N, C-alpha and C. Protein backbone atom coordinates (compact mmCIF):
# COMPACT_ATOMS: atom_id res chain seq x y z
N MET A 1 39.96 -15.82 -18.04
CA MET A 1 40.82 -14.63 -18.09
C MET A 1 40.93 -14.08 -16.66
N ARG A 2 42.16 -13.77 -16.26
CA ARG A 2 42.39 -13.16 -14.95
C ARG A 2 42.57 -11.66 -15.13
N TYR A 3 41.70 -10.90 -14.49
CA TYR A 3 41.71 -9.45 -14.56
C TYR A 3 42.39 -8.87 -13.31
N PHE A 4 42.59 -7.56 -13.33
CA PHE A 4 43.20 -6.85 -12.22
C PHE A 4 42.58 -7.24 -10.88
N GLU A 5 41.26 -7.33 -10.84
CA GLU A 5 40.55 -7.64 -9.60
C GLU A 5 40.86 -9.04 -9.07
N ASP A 6 41.37 -9.91 -9.91
CA ASP A 6 41.60 -11.31 -9.52
C ASP A 6 42.94 -11.54 -8.83
N PHE A 7 43.76 -10.51 -8.71
CA PHE A 7 45.07 -10.63 -8.09
C PHE A 7 45.04 -10.01 -6.70
N ALA A 8 45.82 -10.59 -5.77
CA ALA A 8 45.89 -10.08 -4.40
C ALA A 8 47.35 -9.85 -4.01
N VAL A 9 47.60 -8.80 -3.27
CA VAL A 9 48.94 -8.55 -2.74
C VAL A 9 49.33 -9.75 -1.87
N GLY A 10 50.55 -10.23 -2.08
CA GLY A 10 51.05 -11.39 -1.35
C GLY A 10 50.84 -12.70 -2.08
N GLU A 11 50.01 -12.69 -3.11
CA GLU A 11 49.76 -13.90 -3.89
C GLU A 11 51.05 -14.38 -4.53
N THR A 12 51.30 -15.68 -4.44
CA THR A 12 52.46 -16.28 -5.10
C THR A 12 51.98 -17.34 -6.08
N ARG A 13 52.79 -17.52 -7.12
CA ARG A 13 52.45 -18.50 -8.16
C ARG A 13 53.74 -19.12 -8.68
N GLU A 14 53.62 -20.32 -9.22
CA GLU A 14 54.75 -21.00 -9.84
C GLU A 14 54.43 -21.27 -11.29
N PHE A 15 55.46 -21.15 -12.14
CA PHE A 15 55.28 -21.25 -13.59
C PHE A 15 56.27 -22.24 -14.19
N GLY A 16 55.78 -23.40 -14.55
CA GLY A 16 56.44 -24.37 -15.40
C GLY A 16 57.89 -24.70 -15.16
N GLU A 17 58.43 -25.40 -16.11
CA GLU A 17 59.85 -25.76 -16.14
C GLU A 17 60.35 -25.67 -17.57
N TYR A 18 61.64 -25.37 -17.69
CA TYR A 18 62.25 -25.25 -19.01
C TYR A 18 63.69 -25.73 -18.92
N GLU A 19 64.04 -26.73 -19.73
CA GLU A 19 65.42 -27.23 -19.73
C GLU A 19 66.24 -26.47 -20.78
N VAL A 20 67.35 -25.93 -20.33
CA VAL A 20 68.24 -25.13 -21.18
C VAL A 20 69.22 -26.07 -21.88
N THR A 21 69.34 -25.93 -23.21
CA THR A 21 70.26 -26.78 -23.96
C THR A 21 71.50 -25.98 -24.39
N GLU A 22 72.58 -26.70 -24.60
CA GLU A 22 73.81 -26.06 -25.08
C GLU A 22 73.59 -25.40 -26.43
N GLU A 23 72.87 -26.07 -27.30
CA GLU A 23 72.62 -25.54 -28.64
C GLU A 23 71.93 -24.18 -28.58
N GLU A 24 70.90 -24.06 -27.73
CA GLU A 24 70.20 -22.78 -27.67
C GLU A 24 70.99 -21.71 -26.94
N VAL A 25 71.83 -22.10 -25.97
CA VAL A 25 72.71 -21.13 -25.31
C VAL A 25 73.59 -20.46 -26.34
N ILE A 26 74.20 -21.27 -27.18
CA ILE A 26 75.09 -20.75 -28.22
C ILE A 26 74.32 -19.96 -29.26
N GLU A 27 73.18 -20.51 -29.72
CA GLU A 27 72.38 -19.83 -30.75
C GLU A 27 71.92 -18.45 -30.28
N PHE A 28 71.38 -18.36 -29.07
CA PHE A 28 70.93 -17.08 -28.54
C PHE A 28 72.10 -16.10 -28.44
N ALA A 29 73.19 -16.57 -27.87
CA ALA A 29 74.35 -15.69 -27.65
C ALA A 29 74.97 -15.23 -28.96
N GLU A 30 75.07 -16.12 -29.93
CA GLU A 30 75.63 -15.70 -31.23
C GLU A 30 74.81 -14.56 -31.82
N ARG A 31 73.53 -14.59 -31.57
CA ARG A 31 72.66 -13.57 -32.14
C ARG A 31 72.60 -12.30 -31.31
N TYR A 32 72.61 -12.43 -29.96
CA TYR A 32 72.33 -11.27 -29.12
C TYR A 32 73.41 -10.91 -28.09
N ASP A 33 74.29 -11.83 -27.72
CA ASP A 33 75.26 -11.56 -26.66
C ASP A 33 76.51 -12.40 -26.89
N PRO A 34 77.25 -12.11 -27.97
CA PRO A 34 78.32 -13.01 -28.40
C PRO A 34 79.63 -12.91 -27.61
N GLN A 35 79.53 -13.00 -26.30
CA GLN A 35 80.73 -13.04 -25.48
C GLN A 35 81.29 -14.47 -25.50
N PRO A 36 82.62 -14.64 -25.42
CA PRO A 36 83.22 -15.97 -25.57
C PRO A 36 82.66 -17.04 -24.64
N PHE A 37 82.34 -16.70 -23.40
CA PHE A 37 81.85 -17.71 -22.45
C PHE A 37 80.39 -18.11 -22.71
N HIS A 38 79.75 -17.45 -23.69
CA HIS A 38 78.41 -17.84 -24.10
C HIS A 38 78.41 -18.61 -25.43
N VAL A 39 79.45 -18.45 -26.24
CA VAL A 39 79.41 -19.02 -27.60
C VAL A 39 80.50 -20.06 -27.89
N ASP A 40 81.50 -20.17 -27.03
CA ASP A 40 82.64 -21.04 -27.32
C ASP A 40 83.01 -21.84 -26.07
N ALA A 41 82.74 -23.15 -26.11
CA ALA A 41 82.98 -24.00 -24.94
C ALA A 41 84.44 -23.98 -24.50
N GLU A 42 85.37 -23.95 -25.44
CA GLU A 42 86.80 -23.92 -25.08
C GLU A 42 87.17 -22.61 -24.40
N ALA A 43 86.72 -21.51 -24.94
CA ALA A 43 86.98 -20.21 -24.32
C ALA A 43 86.29 -20.12 -22.96
N ALA A 44 85.09 -20.67 -22.88
CA ALA A 44 84.35 -20.65 -21.62
C ALA A 44 85.07 -21.43 -20.53
N ALA A 45 85.75 -22.52 -20.92
CA ALA A 45 86.49 -23.33 -19.94
C ALA A 45 87.60 -22.52 -19.28
N ASP A 46 88.13 -21.55 -19.99
CA ASP A 46 89.20 -20.70 -19.45
C ASP A 46 88.66 -19.43 -18.80
N SER A 47 87.34 -19.26 -18.75
CA SER A 47 86.74 -18.06 -18.17
C SER A 47 86.51 -18.25 -16.67
N MET A 48 86.04 -17.22 -16.02
CA MET A 48 85.73 -17.30 -14.60
C MET A 48 84.62 -18.31 -14.31
N PHE A 49 83.84 -18.69 -15.34
CA PHE A 49 82.76 -19.65 -15.15
C PHE A 49 83.22 -21.10 -15.27
N GLY A 50 84.32 -21.32 -15.99
CA GLY A 50 84.86 -22.66 -16.15
C GLY A 50 84.08 -23.53 -17.12
N GLN A 51 83.05 -23.00 -17.70
CA GLN A 51 82.25 -23.74 -18.68
C GLN A 51 81.32 -22.77 -19.40
N LEU A 52 80.67 -23.27 -20.44
CA LEU A 52 79.70 -22.48 -21.19
C LEU A 52 78.54 -22.11 -20.27
N VAL A 53 78.12 -20.85 -20.34
CA VAL A 53 76.97 -20.38 -19.56
C VAL A 53 76.04 -19.56 -20.45
N ALA A 54 74.77 -19.54 -20.07
CA ALA A 54 73.78 -18.79 -20.83
C ALA A 54 73.92 -17.30 -20.56
N SER A 55 73.61 -16.51 -21.55
CA SER A 55 73.52 -15.07 -21.37
C SER A 55 72.42 -14.79 -20.35
N GLY A 56 72.63 -13.77 -19.53
CA GLY A 56 71.58 -13.36 -18.60
C GLY A 56 70.32 -12.94 -19.34
N TRP A 57 70.50 -12.37 -20.52
CA TRP A 57 69.34 -11.96 -21.32
C TRP A 57 68.56 -13.17 -21.81
N HIS A 58 69.26 -14.25 -22.06
CA HIS A 58 68.61 -15.50 -22.43
C HIS A 58 67.78 -16.02 -21.25
N THR A 59 68.36 -15.97 -20.06
CA THR A 59 67.64 -16.37 -18.85
C THR A 59 66.38 -15.53 -18.67
N ALA A 60 66.50 -14.23 -18.89
CA ALA A 60 65.34 -13.34 -18.78
C ALA A 60 64.27 -13.71 -19.82
N ALA A 61 64.70 -14.02 -21.05
CA ALA A 61 63.75 -14.38 -22.10
C ALA A 61 63.03 -15.69 -21.78
N ILE A 62 63.75 -16.66 -21.27
CA ILE A 62 63.13 -17.93 -20.87
C ILE A 62 62.12 -17.67 -19.75
N SER A 63 62.50 -16.85 -18.80
CA SER A 63 61.61 -16.51 -17.68
C SER A 63 60.33 -15.86 -18.17
N MET A 64 60.47 -14.97 -19.13
CA MET A 64 59.29 -14.29 -19.69
C MET A 64 58.38 -15.30 -20.37
N ARG A 65 58.97 -16.22 -21.10
CA ARG A 65 58.16 -17.25 -21.77
C ARG A 65 57.38 -18.08 -20.76
N LEU A 66 58.05 -18.51 -19.68
CA LEU A 66 57.36 -19.29 -18.66
C LEU A 66 56.22 -18.48 -18.03
N LEU A 67 56.48 -17.21 -17.80
CA LEU A 67 55.46 -16.33 -17.22
C LEU A 67 54.25 -16.20 -18.14
N VAL A 68 54.49 -15.98 -19.42
CA VAL A 68 53.40 -15.79 -20.38
C VAL A 68 52.63 -17.09 -20.59
N GLU A 69 53.34 -18.22 -20.65
CA GLU A 69 52.64 -19.49 -20.85
C GLU A 69 51.81 -19.86 -19.63
N GLY A 70 52.23 -19.45 -18.45
CA GLY A 70 51.46 -19.65 -17.23
C GLY A 70 51.35 -21.10 -16.80
N PRO A 71 50.78 -21.29 -15.60
CA PRO A 71 50.52 -22.65 -15.14
C PRO A 71 49.51 -23.33 -16.05
N ASP A 72 49.62 -24.63 -16.18
CA ASP A 72 48.75 -25.39 -17.08
C ASP A 72 47.27 -25.20 -16.77
N ASP A 73 46.93 -24.98 -15.51
CA ASP A 73 45.53 -24.94 -15.12
C ASP A 73 44.96 -23.52 -15.05
N GLU A 74 45.67 -22.53 -15.56
CA GLU A 74 45.23 -21.14 -15.43
C GLU A 74 44.83 -20.54 -16.77
N ASP A 75 43.91 -19.60 -16.68
CA ASP A 75 43.54 -18.81 -17.85
C ASP A 75 44.60 -17.75 -18.11
N ASP A 76 44.52 -17.13 -19.26
CA ASP A 76 45.42 -16.03 -19.61
C ASP A 76 45.15 -14.82 -18.73
N TRP A 77 46.16 -13.97 -18.63
CA TRP A 77 46.01 -12.70 -17.93
C TRP A 77 45.44 -11.68 -18.92
N ALA A 78 44.70 -10.74 -18.40
CA ALA A 78 44.18 -9.64 -19.22
C ALA A 78 45.24 -8.55 -19.29
N SER A 79 46.41 -8.92 -19.74
CA SER A 79 47.56 -8.01 -19.77
C SER A 79 47.40 -6.96 -20.85
N MET A 80 47.78 -5.74 -20.49
CA MET A 80 47.80 -4.63 -21.44
C MET A 80 49.24 -4.17 -21.66
N GLY A 81 50.20 -5.02 -21.27
CA GLY A 81 51.60 -4.68 -21.44
C GLY A 81 52.27 -4.36 -20.12
N SER A 82 53.44 -3.74 -20.21
CA SER A 82 54.22 -3.41 -19.03
C SER A 82 54.97 -2.10 -19.24
N PRO A 83 54.98 -1.26 -18.21
CA PRO A 83 55.79 -0.04 -18.32
C PRO A 83 57.28 -0.30 -18.05
N GLY A 84 57.63 -1.51 -17.58
CA GLY A 84 59.03 -1.82 -17.44
C GLY A 84 59.39 -2.62 -16.20
N VAL A 85 60.69 -2.79 -16.04
CA VAL A 85 61.27 -3.53 -14.93
C VAL A 85 62.10 -2.55 -14.12
N ASP A 86 61.89 -2.54 -12.82
CA ASP A 86 62.60 -1.62 -11.95
C ASP A 86 63.93 -2.18 -11.48
N GLU A 87 64.06 -3.48 -11.44
CA GLU A 87 65.27 -4.11 -10.91
C GLU A 87 65.45 -5.45 -11.60
N LEU A 88 66.67 -5.74 -12.00
CA LEU A 88 67.00 -7.03 -12.61
C LEU A 88 68.36 -7.44 -12.11
N ARG A 89 68.46 -8.65 -11.55
CA ARG A 89 69.73 -9.15 -11.02
C ARG A 89 69.93 -10.59 -11.44
N TRP A 90 71.15 -10.91 -11.87
CA TRP A 90 71.54 -12.28 -12.14
C TRP A 90 72.38 -12.74 -10.97
N HIS A 91 71.92 -13.76 -10.27
CA HIS A 91 72.58 -14.21 -9.04
C HIS A 91 73.65 -15.26 -9.29
N GLN A 92 73.43 -16.11 -10.25
CA GLN A 92 74.44 -17.09 -10.63
C GLN A 92 74.18 -17.57 -12.04
N PRO A 93 75.21 -18.10 -12.69
CA PRO A 93 75.05 -18.46 -14.10
C PRO A 93 74.13 -19.65 -14.30
N VAL A 94 73.49 -19.63 -15.47
CA VAL A 94 72.67 -20.75 -15.93
C VAL A 94 73.52 -21.54 -16.91
N LYS A 95 73.54 -22.87 -16.72
CA LYS A 95 74.38 -23.74 -17.53
C LYS A 95 73.52 -24.64 -18.40
N PRO A 96 74.04 -25.08 -19.52
CA PRO A 96 73.31 -26.07 -20.32
C PRO A 96 72.96 -27.27 -19.44
N GLY A 97 71.74 -27.73 -19.57
CA GLY A 97 71.25 -28.84 -18.75
C GLY A 97 70.46 -28.39 -17.53
N ASP A 98 70.58 -27.11 -17.15
CA ASP A 98 69.78 -26.60 -16.04
C ASP A 98 68.30 -26.59 -16.43
N THR A 99 67.45 -26.89 -15.47
CA THR A 99 66.01 -26.78 -15.65
C THR A 99 65.55 -25.59 -14.83
N LEU A 100 64.98 -24.62 -15.51
CA LEU A 100 64.55 -23.38 -14.86
C LEU A 100 63.06 -23.40 -14.56
N SER A 101 62.69 -22.74 -13.47
CA SER A 101 61.28 -22.53 -13.13
C SER A 101 61.15 -21.11 -12.57
N VAL A 102 59.94 -20.60 -12.60
CA VAL A 102 59.68 -19.21 -12.21
C VAL A 102 58.65 -19.18 -11.09
N ARG A 103 58.88 -18.27 -10.14
CA ARG A 103 57.92 -17.98 -9.07
C ARG A 103 57.67 -16.48 -9.06
N THR A 104 56.44 -16.10 -8.80
CA THR A 104 56.13 -14.68 -8.69
C THR A 104 55.42 -14.39 -7.38
N GLU A 105 55.55 -13.16 -6.94
CA GLU A 105 54.80 -12.67 -5.78
C GLU A 105 54.32 -11.27 -6.10
N VAL A 106 53.02 -11.02 -5.90
CA VAL A 106 52.46 -9.69 -6.10
C VAL A 106 52.86 -8.84 -4.90
N LEU A 107 53.57 -7.74 -5.18
CA LEU A 107 54.05 -6.85 -4.12
C LEU A 107 53.11 -5.68 -3.86
N GLU A 108 52.56 -5.14 -4.92
CA GLU A 108 51.67 -3.97 -4.81
C GLU A 108 50.60 -4.07 -5.89
N LYS A 109 49.48 -3.40 -5.63
CA LYS A 109 48.38 -3.38 -6.58
C LYS A 109 47.69 -2.03 -6.44
N ARG A 110 47.44 -1.38 -7.58
CA ARG A 110 46.70 -0.12 -7.51
C ARG A 110 45.91 0.10 -8.79
N ALA A 111 44.71 0.60 -8.62
CA ALA A 111 43.89 0.95 -9.76
C ALA A 111 44.40 2.27 -10.34
N SER A 112 44.33 2.41 -11.64
CA SER A 112 44.72 3.66 -12.28
C SER A 112 43.75 4.76 -11.86
N GLU A 113 44.30 5.92 -11.55
CA GLU A 113 43.47 7.07 -11.19
C GLU A 113 42.97 7.80 -12.43
N SER A 114 43.66 7.66 -13.54
CA SER A 114 43.29 8.41 -14.74
C SER A 114 42.59 7.58 -15.81
N ARG A 115 42.68 6.26 -15.71
CA ARG A 115 42.06 5.39 -16.72
C ARG A 115 41.32 4.25 -16.01
N SER A 116 40.01 4.27 -16.11
CA SER A 116 39.19 3.31 -15.37
C SER A 116 39.27 1.89 -15.93
N ASP A 117 39.90 1.72 -17.09
CA ASP A 117 39.96 0.39 -17.70
C ASP A 117 41.14 -0.44 -17.24
N ARG A 118 41.99 0.10 -16.34
CA ARG A 118 43.22 -0.62 -16.00
C ARG A 118 43.66 -0.42 -14.56
N GLY A 119 44.53 -1.35 -14.17
CA GLY A 119 45.20 -1.27 -12.88
C GLY A 119 46.62 -1.74 -13.05
N TYR A 120 47.44 -1.53 -12.01
CA TYR A 120 48.86 -1.83 -12.08
C TYR A 120 49.25 -2.81 -10.98
N LEU A 121 50.03 -3.82 -11.36
CA LEU A 121 50.60 -4.75 -10.40
C LEU A 121 52.11 -4.56 -10.39
N ARG A 122 52.69 -4.59 -9.24
CA ARG A 122 54.14 -4.62 -9.10
C ARG A 122 54.46 -5.96 -8.48
N SER A 123 55.32 -6.73 -9.14
CA SER A 123 55.59 -8.10 -8.72
C SER A 123 57.08 -8.40 -8.72
N ARG A 124 57.45 -9.37 -7.91
CA ARG A 124 58.81 -9.91 -7.91
C ARG A 124 58.75 -11.26 -8.62
N LEU A 125 59.59 -11.41 -9.62
CA LEU A 125 59.74 -12.67 -10.33
C LEU A 125 61.08 -13.25 -9.95
N GLU A 126 61.10 -14.52 -9.59
CA GLU A 126 62.35 -15.23 -9.31
C GLU A 126 62.47 -16.42 -10.23
N THR A 127 63.65 -16.62 -10.78
CA THR A 127 63.94 -17.79 -11.59
C THR A 127 64.92 -18.66 -10.81
N HIS A 128 64.57 -19.95 -10.71
CA HIS A 128 65.38 -20.91 -9.96
C HIS A 128 65.83 -22.02 -10.89
N ASN A 129 66.97 -22.62 -10.56
CA ASN A 129 67.43 -23.79 -11.31
C ASN A 129 66.85 -25.06 -10.66
N GLY A 130 67.21 -26.21 -11.20
CA GLY A 130 66.67 -27.48 -10.71
C GLY A 130 67.04 -27.81 -9.28
N ASP A 131 68.07 -27.16 -8.74
CA ASP A 131 68.45 -27.34 -7.34
C ASP A 131 67.78 -26.30 -6.45
N ASP A 132 66.81 -25.59 -7.00
CA ASP A 132 66.05 -24.53 -6.32
C ASP A 132 66.95 -23.36 -5.88
N GLU A 133 68.05 -23.15 -6.62
CA GLU A 133 68.92 -22.01 -6.36
C GLU A 133 68.43 -20.82 -7.19
N LEU A 134 68.41 -19.65 -6.58
CA LEU A 134 68.00 -18.44 -7.28
C LEU A 134 69.07 -18.07 -8.31
N VAL A 135 68.66 -17.97 -9.57
CA VAL A 135 69.61 -17.58 -10.62
C VAL A 135 69.36 -16.17 -11.13
N MET A 136 68.10 -15.69 -10.99
CA MET A 136 67.78 -14.35 -11.47
C MET A 136 66.51 -13.87 -10.77
N HIS A 137 66.40 -12.55 -10.62
CA HIS A 137 65.11 -11.99 -10.19
C HIS A 137 64.92 -10.64 -10.85
N TRP A 138 63.66 -10.25 -10.94
CA TRP A 138 63.34 -8.88 -11.34
C TRP A 138 62.12 -8.41 -10.57
N ILE A 139 62.04 -7.11 -10.42
CA ILE A 139 60.84 -6.46 -9.90
C ILE A 139 60.25 -5.72 -11.09
N GLY A 140 59.05 -6.05 -11.44
CA GLY A 140 58.45 -5.47 -12.64
C GLY A 140 57.02 -5.03 -12.42
N SER A 141 56.53 -4.30 -13.38
CA SER A 141 55.16 -3.79 -13.35
C SER A 141 54.38 -4.35 -14.53
N THR A 142 53.10 -4.60 -14.29
CA THR A 142 52.21 -5.08 -15.34
C THR A 142 50.94 -4.23 -15.33
N ILE A 143 50.48 -3.88 -16.51
CA ILE A 143 49.20 -3.19 -16.64
C ILE A 143 48.15 -4.25 -16.96
N LEU A 144 47.09 -4.31 -16.15
CA LEU A 144 46.04 -5.30 -16.36
C LEU A 144 44.69 -4.62 -16.57
N GLU A 145 43.93 -5.19 -17.47
CA GLU A 145 42.58 -4.70 -17.70
C GLU A 145 41.71 -4.95 -16.47
N ARG A 146 40.86 -4.00 -16.18
CA ARG A 146 39.89 -4.18 -15.10
C ARG A 146 38.62 -4.81 -15.67
N ARG A 147 38.04 -5.70 -14.92
CA ARG A 147 36.86 -6.42 -15.38
C ARG A 147 35.68 -5.49 -15.57
N ASP A 148 35.45 -4.66 -14.60
CA ASP A 148 34.29 -3.76 -14.63
C ASP A 148 34.75 -2.33 -14.82
N HIS A 149 34.70 -1.87 -16.05
CA HIS A 149 35.08 -0.49 -16.32
C HIS A 149 34.09 0.12 -17.32
N GLU A 150 34.10 1.42 -17.33
CA GLU A 150 33.17 2.14 -18.22
C GLU A 150 33.58 2.00 -19.67
């Protein structure tokens, strides 16, 4: 288990790979973001994208899954949740067949002043496609349990 104390400002990590399929692009979008360029290949061909593309929310969900699953050789994080994301940007569309991977960098770290059982990390997450192009990023916060607390 990785606790608050185990993270360092400037630390970077890489998280897995995930291949996006046309079937799941359509399935996710039909349920959560049914815009024509996400659910209909013919309509998407006439859109500014020129083809079917994944919802940005789908990209964010895939990124979260890669983050939670973590690198194969790592233990779980002692996560206590997250107060939110401060910034989220989609840089370019994700297409069926793209293989996504995630990189993170710890930007800030601080122990809670009011609760001795936790600390806060502020991190930048970047999602890249198989050509190592940035497709999405967010700046988010994580609450982590402290190893040694009262």
